[in-house]
Every structure is written in structure tokens, then in C-alpha cells.
C-alpha atoms as a PDB file:
ATOM      1  CA  MET A   1     -17.068 212.914  54.578  1.00  0.00           C
ATOM      2  CA  LYS A   2     -18.568 210.870  51.754  1.00  0.00           C
ATOM      3  CA  VAL A   3     -22.009 209.895  52.752  1.00  0.00           C
ATOM      4  CA  ASN A   4     -23.946 207.478  50.354  1.00  0.00           C
ATOM      5  CA  ASN A   5     -27.743 207.463  49.671  1.00  0.00           C
ATOM      6  CA  SER A   6     -28.427 204.161  51.440  1.00  0.00           C
ATOM      7  CA  SER A   7     -26.997 205.735  54.779  1.00  0.00           C
ATOM      8  CA  ILE A   8     -29.157 208.764  54.223  1.00  0.00           C
ATOM      9  CA  THR A   9     -32.251 207.095  53.679  1.00  0.00           C
ATOM     10  CA  GLY A  10     -31.771 204.601  56.483  1.00  0.00           C
ATOM     11  CA  ALA A  11     -31.203 207.422  58.691  1.00  0.00           C
ATOM     12  CA  ALA A  12     -34.433 209.184  57.512  1.00  0.00           C
ATOM     13  CA  LEU A  13     -36.158 206.301  57.716  1.00  0.00           C
ATOM     14  CA  LEU A  14     -35.246 205.643  61.523  1.00  0.00           C
ATOM     15  CA  ALA A  15     -35.910 208.921  62.226  1.00  0.00           C
ATOM     16  CA  LEU A  16     -39.448 209.165  60.952  1.00  0.00           C
ATOM     17  CA  LEU A  17     -40.430 205.942  62.832  1.00  0.00           C
ATOM     18  CA  THR A  18     -38.866 206.796  65.885  1.00  0.00           C
ATOM     19  CA  GLY A  19     -38.306 210.441  66.277  1.00  0.00           C
ATOM     20  CA  SER A  20     -35.896 211.148  68.918  1.00  0.00           C
ATOM     21  CA  PHE A  21     -36.338 208.073  70.793  1.00  0.00           C
ATOM     22  CA  ALA A  22     -38.035 204.954  70.492  1.00  0.00           C
ATOM     23  CA  SER A  23     -41.314 204.654  73.154  1.00  0.00           C
ATOM     24  CA  ALA A  24     -41.649 200.999  74.663  1.00  0.00           C
ATOM     25  CA  SER A  25     -44.981 199.340  73.702  1.00  0.00           C
ATOM     26  CA  ASP A  26     -44.728 197.275  76.974  1.00  0.00           C
ATOM     27  CA  PHE A  27     -42.061 196.412  79.494  1.00  0.00           C
ATOM     28  CA  GLN A  28     -40.290 193.114  79.193  1.00  0.00           C
ATOM     29  CA  SER A  29     -38.461 191.547  81.896  1.00  0.00           C
ATOM     30  CA  PRO A  30     -35.174 189.679  81.034  1.00  0.00           C
ATOM     31  CA  ARG A  31     -36.809 186.355  81.188  1.00  0.00           C
ATOM     32  CA  THR A  32     -39.331 187.430  78.635  1.00  0.00           C
ATOM     33  CA  ALA A  33     -36.578 189.260  76.766  1.00  0.00           C
ATOM     34  CA  ALA A  34     -34.609 186.069  76.342  1.00  0.00           C
ATOM     35  CA  LEU A  35     -37.857 184.004  75.523  1.00  0.00           C
ATOM     36  CA  GLY A  36     -38.187 186.414  72.456  1.00  0.00           C
ATOM     37  CA  GLY A  37     -41.166 187.861  74.193  1.00  0.00           C
ATOM     38  CA  ALA A  38     -43.001 184.390  74.956  1.00  0.00           C
ATOM     39  CA  GLY A  39     -43.906 182.886  78.017  1.00  0.00           C
ATOM     40  CA  HIS A  40     -47.591 184.524  78.506  1.00  0.00           C
ATOM     41  CA  ALA A  41     -48.927 180.804  79.466  1.00  0.00           C
ATOM     42  CA  GLY A  42     -46.280 180.626  82.195  1.00  0.00           C
ATOM     43  CA  PRO A  43     -45.093 184.138  83.620  1.00  0.00           C
ATOM     44  CA  MET A  44     -42.513 183.806  86.416  1.00  0.00           C
ATOM     45  CA  LEU A  45     -43.160 186.109  89.487  1.00  0.00           C
ATOM     46  CA  ASN A  46     -43.679 189.767  88.652  1.00  0.00           C
ATOM     47  CA  ASP A  47     -43.751 189.117  84.837  1.00  0.00           C
ATOM     48  CA  SER A  48     -47.409 188.366  85.245  1.00  0.00           C
ATOM     49  CA  ILE A  49     -48.515 192.043  85.779  1.00  0.00           C
ATOM     50  CA  TYR A  50     -47.273 192.629  82.086  1.00  0.00           C
ATOM     51  CA  LEU A  51     -47.746 189.544  80.334  1.00  0.00           C
ATOM     52  CA  ASN A  52     -50.686 187.641  81.751  1.00  0.00           C
ATOM     53  CA  PRO A  53     -52.751 189.321  84.816  1.00  0.00           C
ATOM     54  CA  SER A  54     -54.563 186.102  85.296  1.00  0.00           C
ATOM     55  CA  TYR A  55     -51.548 184.242  86.520  1.00  0.00           C
ATOM     56  CA  ALA A  56     -50.880 185.887  89.598  1.00  0.00           C
ATOM     57  CA  SER A  57     -53.568 183.615  91.182  1.00  0.00           C
ATOM     58  CA  PHE A  58     -51.390 180.621  90.629  1.00  0.00           C
ATOM     59  CA  LEU A  59     -47.991 182.568  92.067  1.00  0.00           C
ATOM     60  CA  GLN A  60     -48.502 182.342  95.880  1.00  0.00           C
ATOM     61  CA  THR A  61     -45.506 184.797  96.830  1.00  0.00           C
ATOM     62  CA  TYR A  62     -45.185 188.197  97.698  1.00  0.00           C
ATOM     63  CA  SER A  63     -42.327 189.907  95.279  1.00  0.00           C
ATOM     64  CA  ILE A  64     -40.523 192.820  94.525  1.00  0.00           C
ATOM     65  CA  SER A  65     -38.681 193.498  91.296  1.00  0.00           C
ATOM     66  CA  LEU A  66     -35.934 195.759  90.143  1.00  0.00           C
ATOM     67  CA  ASN A  67     -34.686 195.851  86.246  1.00  0.00           C
ATOM     68  CA  TYR A  68     -32.505 197.993  83.991  1.00  0.00           C
ATOM     69  CA  LEU A  69     -32.549 198.034  79.925  1.00  0.00           C
ATOM     70  CA  ARG A  70     -30.521 199.690  77.991  1.00  0.00           C
ATOM     71  CA  PHE A  71     -30.816 199.537  74.006  1.00  0.00           C
ATOM     72  CA  LYS A  72     -28.793 200.877  70.736  1.00  0.00           C
ATOM     73  CA  GLY A  73     -29.746 201.065  67.294  1.00  0.00           C
ATOM     74  CA  PRO A  74     -27.354 201.824  63.901  1.00  0.00           C
ATOM     75  CA  ALA A  75     -25.347 204.954  63.756  1.00  0.00           C
ATOM     76  CA  THR A  76     -27.182 208.042  62.436  1.00  0.00           C
ATOM     77  CA  GLU A  77     -24.689 210.533  62.402  1.00  0.00           C
ATOM     78  CA  PRO A  78     -21.450 210.740  60.113  1.00  0.00           C
ATOM     79  CA  ASP A  79     -19.516 210.106  62.960  1.00  0.00           C
ATOM     80  CA  GLY A  80     -20.876 206.824  63.894  1.00  0.00           C
ATOM     81  CA  SER A  81     -22.757 208.120  66.910  1.00  0.00           C
ATOM     82  CA  SER A  82     -26.499 207.155  67.332  1.00  0.00           C
ATOM     83  CA  PHE A  83     -29.412 209.224  68.565  1.00  0.00           C
ATOM     84  CA  TYR A  84     -31.343 205.788  68.589  1.00  0.00           C
ATOM     85  CA  HIS A  85     -30.194 204.589  72.209  1.00  0.00           C
ATOM     86  CA  GLY A  86     -31.324 205.001  75.861  1.00  0.00           C
ATOM     87  CA  HIS A  87     -32.077 202.739  79.017  1.00  0.00           C
ATOM     88  CA  TYR A  88     -35.459 202.191  81.168  1.00  0.00           C
ATOM     89  CA  GLN A  89     -35.764 201.358  84.736  1.00  0.00           C
ATOM     90  CA  ASN A  90     -38.641 199.393  86.238  1.00  0.00           C
ATOM     91  CA  VAL A  91     -39.707 198.334  89.530  1.00  0.00           C
ATOM     92  CA  SER A  92     -42.693 196.452  90.453  1.00  0.00           C
ATOM     93  CA  ILE A  93     -44.197 194.736  93.393  1.00  0.00           C
ATOM     94  CA  GLN A  94     -47.034 191.683  93.478  1.00  0.00           C
ATOM     95  CA  ASP A  95     -48.807 189.919  96.259  1.00  0.00           C
ATOM     96  CA  GLY A  96     -50.339 186.680  95.018  1.00  0.00           C
ATOM     97  CA  ARG A  97     -50.987 185.216  98.931  1.00  0.00           C
ATOM     98  CA  THR A  98     -54.120 187.592  99.632  1.00  0.00           C
ATOM     99  CA  GLU A  99     -57.662 185.311  99.457  1.00  0.00           C
ATOM    100  CA  VAL A 100     -59.867 187.500  97.900  1.00  0.00           C
ATOM    101  CA  PHE A 101     -57.842 188.664  94.783  1.00  0.00           C
ATOM    102  CA  GLN A 102     -54.035 188.874  93.625  1.00  0.00           C
ATOM    103  CA  ALA A 103     -52.627 191.878  92.345  1.00  0.00           C
ATOM    104  CA  GLY A 104     -49.487 193.625  91.068  1.00  0.00           C
ATOM    105  CA  MET A 105     -48.316 196.930  90.250  1.00  0.00           C
ATOM    106  CA  GLY A 106     -45.140 198.017  87.727  1.00  0.00           C
ATOM    107  CA  PHE A 107     -43.559 201.618  87.254  1.00  0.00           C
ATOM    108  CA  THR A 108     -41.389 201.708  84.289  1.00  0.00           C
ATOM    109  CA  ARG A 109     -39.494 205.119  83.666  1.00  0.00           C
ATOM    110  CA  GLN A 110     -38.724 205.575  79.764  1.00  0.00           C
ATOM    111  CA  GLU A 111     -36.647 208.028  77.653  1.00  0.00           C
ATOM    112  CA  ASP A 112     -39.764 210.076  77.095  1.00  0.00           C
ATOM    113  CA  SER A 113     -42.400 208.985  79.677  1.00  0.00           C
ATOM    114  CA  ARG A 114     -43.412 206.957  82.356  1.00  0.00           C
ATOM    115  CA  MET A 115     -45.773 203.732  82.355  1.00  0.00           C
ATOM    116  CA  VAL A 116     -47.315 202.197  85.001  1.00  0.00           C
ATOM    117  CA  HIS A 117     -48.901 198.639  84.937  1.00  0.00           C
ATOM    118  CA  VAL A 118     -51.432 197.171  87.294  1.00  0.00           C
ATOM    119  CA  GLY A 119     -52.735 193.826  87.610  1.00  0.00           C
ATOM    120  CA  ALA A 120     -55.309 191.907  89.329  1.00  0.00           C
ATOM    121  CA  SER A 121     -56.670 188.139  88.962  1.00  0.00           C
ATOM    122  CA  LYS A 122     -59.480 185.587  90.950  1.00  0.00           C
ATOM    123  CA  THR A 123     -59.547 181.710  90.324  1.00  0.00           C
ATOM    124  CA  ALA A 124     -62.684 180.767  89.031  1.00  0.00           C
ATOM    125  CA  ILE A 125     -61.969 176.922  90.117  1.00  0.00           C
ATOM    126  CA  LYS A 126     -58.719 175.693  91.102  1.00  0.00           C
ATOM    127  CA  GLN A 127     -57.329 175.369  87.333  1.00  0.00           C
ATOM    128  CA  LEU A 128     -58.830 178.419  85.847  1.00  0.00           C
ATOM    129  CA  GLY A 129     -58.140 182.106  86.673  1.00  0.00           C
ATOM    130  CA  PHE A 130     -58.950 185.229  85.085  1.00  0.00           C
ATOM    131  CA  GLY A 131     -57.381 188.577  85.267  1.00  0.00           C
ATOM    132  CA  LEU A 132     -57.911 192.198  84.345  1.00  0.00           C
ATOM    133  CA  GLY A 133     -55.000 194.688  83.686  1.00  0.00           C
ATOM    134  CA  ALA A 134     -54.598 198.275  83.187  1.00  0.00           C
ATOM    135  CA  LYS A 135     -51.878 200.565  81.549  1.00  0.00           C
ATOM    136  CA  PHE A 136     -51.130 204.252  82.136  1.00  0.00           C
ATOM    137  CA  ILE A 137     -48.622 206.145  79.821  1.00  0.00           C
ATOM    138  CA  LEU A 138     -47.403 209.588  81.068  1.00  0.00           C
ATOM    139  CA  PRO A 139     -45.375 211.320  78.396  1.00  0.00           C
ATOM    140  CA  ASN A 140     -42.692 213.798  79.421  1.00  0.00           C
ATOM    141  CA  ASN A 141     -43.700 216.485  77.051  1.00  0.00           C
ATOM    142  CA  SER A 142     -47.360 216.808  77.623  1.00  0.00           C
ATOM    143  CA  ASN A 143     -50.254 216.352  80.088  1.00  0.00           C
ATOM    144  CA  ASP A 144     -51.974 213.995  78.121  1.00  0.00           C
ATOM    145  CA  ARG A 145     -52.516 210.421  79.631  1.00  0.00           C
ATOM    146  CA  ILE A 146     -52.754 207.343  77.476  1.00  0.00           C
ATOM    147  CA  GLN A 147     -54.596 204.632  79.083  1.00  0.00           C
ATOM    148  CA  ASP A 148     -55.793 200.908  78.133  1.00  0.00           C
ATOM    149  CA  LEU A 149     -56.956 197.653  79.458  1.00  0.00           C
ATOM    150  CA  THR A 150     -55.939 193.704  78.985  1.00  0.00           C
ATOM    151  CA  PHE A 151     -58.101 190.902  79.653  1.00  0.00           C
ATOM    152  CA  SER A 152     -56.619 187.115  80.236  1.00  0.00           C
ATOM    153  CA  THR A 153     -57.988 184.000  81.288  1.00  0.00           C
ATOM    154  CA  THR A 154     -55.437 181.339  82.236  1.00  0.00           C
ATOM    155  CA  GLY A 155     -56.276 177.491  82.232  1.00  0.00           C
ATOM    156  CA  ILE A 156     -53.868 174.676  83.798  1.00  0.00           C
ATOM    157  CA  ILE A 157     -54.905 171.587  81.679  1.00  0.00           C
ATOM    158  CA  SER A 158     -52.277 169.436  83.260  1.00  0.00           C
ATOM    159  CA  GLY A 159     -49.064 169.310  84.927  1.00  0.00           C
ATOM    160  CA  ALA A 160     -47.350 169.161  81.427  1.00  0.00           C
ATOM    161  CA  PHE A 161     -49.490 172.036  79.614  1.00  0.00           C
ATOM    162  CA  GLN A 162     -51.113 174.971  80.151  1.00  0.00           C
ATOM    163  CA  ALA A 163     -52.788 177.721  77.936  1.00  0.00           C
ATOM    164  CA  VAL A 164     -54.017 181.485  78.205  1.00  0.00           C
ATOM    165  CA  PHE A 165     -56.060 183.561  75.936  1.00  0.00           C
ATOM    166  CA  ILE A 166     -55.280 187.547  76.168  1.00  0.00           C
ATOM    167  CA  ILE A 167     -56.918 190.226  74.846  1.00  0.00           C
ATOM    168  CA  ASP A 168     -54.708 193.107  74.910  1.00  0.00           C
ATOM    169  CA  ASN A 169     -55.184 196.994  74.601  1.00  0.00           C
ATOM    170  CA  LEU A 170     -58.820 196.073  74.644  1.00  0.00           C
ATOM    171  CA  LEU A 171     -59.275 200.040  74.234  1.00  0.00           C
ATOM    172  CA  GLN A 172     -56.893 200.896  71.375  1.00  0.00           C
ATOM    173  CA  SER A 173     -56.992 204.500  71.658  1.00  0.00           C
ATOM    174  CA  ALA A 174     -55.852 206.819  68.614  1.00  0.00           C
ATOM    175  CA  ALA A 175     -53.108 208.322  71.051  1.00  0.00           C
ATOM    176  CA  GLY A 176     -52.527 204.642  72.137  1.00  0.00           C
ATOM    177  CA  LYS A 177     -51.861 203.492  68.289  1.00  0.00           C
ATOM    178  CA  GLU A 178     -49.239 206.231  67.883  1.00  0.00           C
ATOM    179  CA  ARG A 179     -47.170 204.562  70.167  1.00  0.00           C
ATOM    180  CA  GLY A 180     -47.621 200.812  68.818  1.00  0.00           C
ATOM    181  CA  LEU A 181     -50.584 199.774  71.267  1.00  0.00           C
ATOM    182  CA  TYR A 182     -52.860 198.100  68.744  1.00  0.00           C
ATOM    183  CA  ARG A 183     -55.635 195.969  70.016  1.00  0.00           C
ATOM    184  CA  GLU A 184     -53.953 192.249  70.210  1.00  0.00           C
ATOM    185  CA  TYR A 185     -55.261 188.728  70.526  1.00  0.00           C
ATOM    186  CA  ILE A 186     -53.004 185.975  71.803  1.00  0.00           C
ATOM    187  CA  LEU A 187     -53.005 182.435  72.235  1.00  0.00           C
ATOM    188  CA  GLY A 188     -50.437 181.715  74.867  1.00  0.00           C
ATOM    189  CA  THR A 189     -49.201 178.033  75.510  1.00  0.00           C
ATOM    190  CA  LYS A 190     -46.849 176.223  77.624  1.00  0.00           C
ATOM    191  CA  LEU A 191     -45.179 172.705  77.262  1.00  0.00           C
ATOM    192  CA  ASN A 192     -43.338 171.236  80.388  1.00  0.00           C
ATOM    193  CA  LEU A 193     -41.288 168.731  79.464  1.00  0.00           C
ATOM    194  CA  GLN A 194     -40.661 166.939  82.842  1.00  0.00           C
ATOM    195  CA  SER A 195     -39.102 170.136  84.264  1.00  0.00           C
ATOM    196  CA  ILE A 196     -36.191 169.539  82.066  1.00  0.00           C
ATOM    197  CA  ALA A 197     -37.172 172.248  79.160  1.00  0.00           C
ATOM    198  CA  MET A 198     -40.168 174.277  78.727  1.00  0.00           C
ATOM    199  CA  ILE A 199     -41.714 175.179  75.499  1.00  0.00           C
ATOM    200  CA  TYR A 200     -43.595 178.404  74.886  1.00  0.00           C
ATOM    201  CA  PHE A 201     -45.447 179.205  71.752  1.00  0.00           C
ATOM    202  CA  ASP A 202     -47.372 182.424  71.709  1.00  0.00           C
ATOM    203  CA  PRO A 203     -49.606 183.158  68.342  1.00  0.00           C
ATOM    204  CA  HIS A 204     -51.366 186.640  68.151  1.00  0.00           C
ATOM    205  CA  PHE A 205     -53.115 188.770  65.851  1.00  0.00           C
ATOM    206  CA  THR A 206     -52.821 192.202  66.200  1.00  0.00           C
ATOM    207  CA  GLY A 207     -54.721 195.089  64.196  1.00  0.00           C
ATOM    208  CA  ASP A 208     -52.284 197.555  62.443  1.00  0.00           C
ATOM    209  CA  ALA A 209     -52.723 201.180  61.285  1.00  0.00           C
ATOM    210  CA  SER A 210     -54.404 200.026  57.967  1.00  0.00           C
ATOM    211  CA  GLY A 211     -57.276 197.972  59.376  1.00  0.00           C
ATOM    212  CA  THR A 212     -55.971 194.739  57.908  1.00  0.00           C
ATOM    213  CA  GLY A 213     -54.274 193.115  60.598  1.00  0.00           C
ATOM    214  CA  ILE A 214     -50.914 191.210  61.123  1.00  0.00           C
ATOM    215  CA  TYR A 215     -50.203 187.678  62.247  1.00  0.00           C
ATOM    216  CA  GLY A 216     -47.115 187.007  64.506  1.00  0.00           C
ATOM    217  CA  GLN A 217     -45.750 184.543  67.185  1.00  0.00           C
ATOM    218  CA  GLU A 218     -43.197 184.488  69.804  1.00  0.00           C
ATOM    219  CA  ALA A 219     -41.514 181.080  70.758  1.00  0.00           C
ATOM    220  CA  GLY A 220     -39.341 180.192  73.361  1.00  0.00           C
ATOM    221  CA  LEU A 221     -37.358 177.377  75.003  1.00  0.00           C
ATOM    222  CA  GLU A 222     -36.212 177.384  78.680  1.00  0.00           C
ATOM    223  CA  PHE A 223     -33.747 174.646  79.809  1.00  0.00           C
ATOM    224  CA  THR A 224     -32.959 173.457  83.463  1.00  0.00           C
ATOM    225  CA  ILE A 225     -29.206 173.558  83.350  1.00  0.00           C
ATOM    226  CA  MET A 226     -28.995 172.628  87.111  1.00  0.00           C
ATOM    227  CA  SER A 227     -31.823 173.022  89.743  1.00  0.00           C
ATOM    228  CA  ASP A 228     -31.023 176.670  90.082  1.00  0.00           C
ATOM    229  CA  LEU A 229     -29.681 177.880  86.612  1.00  0.00           C
ATOM    230  CA  PHE A 230     -32.156 178.053  83.663  1.00  0.00           C
ATOM    231  CA  LEU A 231     -30.673 179.090  79.755  1.00  0.00           C
ATOM    232  CA  ARG A 232     -33.343 180.574  77.747  1.00  0.00           C
ATOM    233  CA  LEU A 233     -33.839 180.987  73.835  1.00  0.00           C
ATOM    234  CA  GLY A 234     -36.457 182.860  72.098  1.00  0.00           C
ATOM    235  CA  ALA A 235     -37.422 183.988  68.354  1.00  0.00           C
ATOM    236  CA  PHE A 236     -40.207 186.541  67.444  1.00  0.00           C
ATOM    237  CA  ARG A 237     -41.859 187.468  64.319  1.00  0.00           C
ATOM    238  CA  ASN A 238     -44.243 190.697  63.596  1.00  0.00           C
ATOM    239  CA  SER A 239     -43.945 191.304  67.111  1.00  0.00           C
ATOM    240  CA  LYS A 240     -43.439 194.226  69.607  1.00  0.00           C
ATOM    241  CA  ALA A 241     -40.213 194.952  70.692  1.00  0.00           C
ATOM    242  CA  PRO A 242     -39.745 196.342  74.243  1.00  0.00           C
ATOM    243  CA  PHE A 243     -38.026 199.499  73.061  1.00  0.00           C
ATOM    244  CA  GLN A 244     -39.768 200.297  69.751  1.00  0.00           C
ATOM    245  CA  GLN A 245     -43.477 201.452  68.286  1.00  0.00           C
ATOM    246  CA  ILE A 246     -43.597 199.160  65.348  1.00  0.00           C
ATOM    247  CA  LEU A 247     -43.875 195.400  64.963  1.00  0.00           C
ATOM    248  CA  GLY A 248     -40.397 193.379  64.229  1.00  0.00           C
ATOM    249  CA  ARG A 249     -38.547 190.272  64.118  1.00  0.00           C
ATOM    250  CA  GLY A 250     -35.617 189.208  65.912  1.00  0.00           C
ATOM    251  CA  TYR A 251     -34.517 186.787  68.583  1.00  0.00           C
ATOM    252  CA  GLY A 252     -33.563 186.704  72.229  1.00  0.00           C
ATOM    253  CA  ALA A 253     -31.099 184.865  74.791  1.00  0.00           C
ATOM    254  CA  GLY A 254     -30.319 184.825  78.491  1.00  0.00           C
ATOM    255  CA  PHE A 255     -30.297 183.019  81.681  1.00  0.00           C
ATOM    256  CA  GLY A 256     -31.363 183.024  84.934  1.00  0.00           C
ATOM    257  CA  TRP A 257     -30.412 181.954  88.731  1.00  0.00           C
ATOM    258  CA  ILE A 258     -32.990 181.317  91.142  1.00  0.00           C
ATOM    259  CA  ALA A 259     -31.643 180.883  95.181  1.00  0.00           C
ATOM    260  CA  PRO A 260     -34.131 181.155  98.072  1.00  0.00           C
ATOM    261  CA  ARG A 261     -35.739 184.499  98.024  1.00  0.00           C
ATOM    262  CA  LEU A 262     -34.044 185.623  95.354  1.00  0.00           C
ATOM    263  CA  SER A 263     -33.885 185.532  91.268  1.00  0.00           C
ATOM    264  CA  MET A 264     -31.470 187.095  88.773  1.00  0.00           C
ATOM    265  CA  ASP A 265     -31.974 187.409  85.335  1.00  0.00           C
ATOM    266  CA  PHE A 266     -30.141 188.757  82.351  1.00  0.00           C
ATOM    267  CA  ALA A 267     -30.836 188.787  78.713  1.00  0.00           C
ATOM    268  CA  ILE A 268     -29.716 190.212  75.286  1.00  0.00           C
ATOM    269  CA  SER A 269     -32.380 190.872  72.517  1.00  0.00           C
ATOM    270  CA  ARG A 270     -31.512 191.673  69.028  1.00  0.00           C
ATOM    271  CA  VAL A 271     -34.177 193.167  66.796  1.00  0.00           C
ATOM    272  CA  ILE A 272     -33.203 192.330  63.141  1.00  0.00           C
ATOM    273  CA  ALA A 273     -35.744 194.320  61.236  1.00  0.00           C
ATOM    274  CA  PRO A 274     -37.260 196.949  60.485  1.00  0.00           C
ATOM    275  CA  ILE A 275     -34.795 198.599  62.733  1.00  0.00           C
ATOM    276  CA  PRO A 276     -31.842 196.721  63.561  1.00  0.00           C
ATOM    277  CA  ALA A 277     -31.079 197.288  67.417  1.00  0.00           C
ATOM    278  CA  THR A 278     -29.500 195.222  70.438  1.00  0.00           C
ATOM    279  CA  SER A 279     -30.850 195.646  73.992  1.00  0.00           C
ATOM    280  CA  GLN A 280     -29.449 194.155  77.326  1.00  0.00           C
ATOM    281  CA  VAL A 281     -31.748 193.680  80.181  1.00  0.00           C
ATOM    282  CA  PHE A 282     -30.530 192.723  84.021  1.00  0.00           C
ATOM    283  CA  GLY A 283     -33.322 192.287  86.442  1.00  0.00           C
ATOM    284  CA  MET A 284     -33.457 190.673  89.985  1.00  0.00           C
ATOM    285  CA  THR A 285     -36.440 189.823  92.094  1.00  0.00           C
ATOM    286  CA  MET A 286     -36.674 189.158  95.856  1.00  0.00           C
ATOM    287  CA  TYR A 287     -39.832 186.810  96.872  1.00  0.00           C
ATOM    288  CA  PHE A 288     -41.370 185.581  99.955  1.00  0.00           C
END
């Protein structure tokens, strides 16, 4: 079988960047993936554990969430198959009803590791919340544990606008940087257009391996089709894909349905560059 040089080069680059499987920098729910990674200023239910721990104080619910993600990249073998594929399972629980502080925890099983996220928050005043999160990565092939922290503060400016400032991966350890966990400064914004549409724009600055830093952003639109049905679209540039160790660009799309005590969401996320890949994410959350 004839294999051209570009195919060999592409496969070699893919293997060099990802190893046997790509590892997630962080977990993304179906809603987050559909919004292109945006939504830091207005996470829904358990998304605050991963996106913005300070927002849990504004979610007065008790919720349990289950999510499943599968991904596949380009062919890496002569027969058209690919080693760049896999799936993740995620479960999380959050309690925003307690008076002392509000907290949540999530567990994600990946192809090569397990990841635990925890987050806690407290409001200073009614419209201002502070939060601290922690993440722990437990690789399958070693006893080393990677850990890092996230700090965030959310301000509810008005019914139409809210914003958050986040410092992700505060510790930025050498082992964490190998998995794409660079320190990241995020300014998340949410604009609510009379509950008909929500606009999210989240610019960020990420330090890279050379120390020069990279600017990027995530942007998303969430439309209310019916009172309980939502359409979501988003795009990202120089941002972390949920199943790659590197920064890339791409887009997402999906929908969500919210019923009393239950929400269900689905999304497709497409990474365009530097390594093309597609993921599908399904999730359901029970809240009380």
C-alpha cells in the first residue's frame, strides 16, 4: 500500500503530541462543549465545579450529574484506523443549599488516568462570590499525583450582565505542564438578552512552554427555543480541548432540555487545529 510523506509526517506529529491517548486538560460538560468552552460567568448546575467554583453560591440546588464523552481523531494506520480515540466517564455532586459554604466534587475516568475536581464558594455580599477549586490527576501507569488549584470571583452586576475573574492552575507544576495545565487568567462575561439569548465571551491569557504566553478566547451563544429547550453554539481559539494536551481552535454545537428535577444535554465538539478531532458528549443532571 502506498503511503505519502504527508501522511507519515502527520501521523508522526500526532503520536509525538498525544502519546498513546490524549489526556484531558480538564473536563467539559455537554453544555460547555457546545458553547466552545465558554460560559465561565454563568455555569449551569455542576459545571461550576470545573468552570468557576465561585458560582456555586448562586446555585441554590442539590444536584447529581452523569456524563459520557467519546472522541476520535484522524487515521493513523494504513488500514484507516486510529489510535487517537477513546472515551471518558464523569460523575459529580454539588450542594449549593448549605449556609456556611457551597461545595461540589467531580470524578472523571479517562483513558490513561483518573481526575478529581473539588470546589467550594462563599458570597461576601449578595452579588459577589469567591471560590477555590482543586484538581487531582492520578495517572494509571504511575503513583505520581498531579495537583493544582483554581481561584475565582464572580460579580452579578445586574440581571442582564455578570462577570468572573479566574486564575486556573495556580501552582503550574512541571508535571501539570506536561498535560497542558498551564497557569491561565480568564475574564468571563455573560450578557442576558431578556432570557431569549445568552452571549458568553471569555478571553484568556495562557503561559506556554516557552514562557511567552498565548492569548485566546471562547465565545458562545445560548438560545431559548422553548421555555425548556435550548440551542447552543460556540467557538474557541488557543484554548484547551477537553481531550487534548495542547491548545487549539475549533467549534461546538448542541442542545439542552430542562424538565422539573432533570436536565439532559448533548453536544458535538470539533477541533480544527492543530490535530483535527471530533467528540460527542452526553449528560444528564438531577437537581433538587
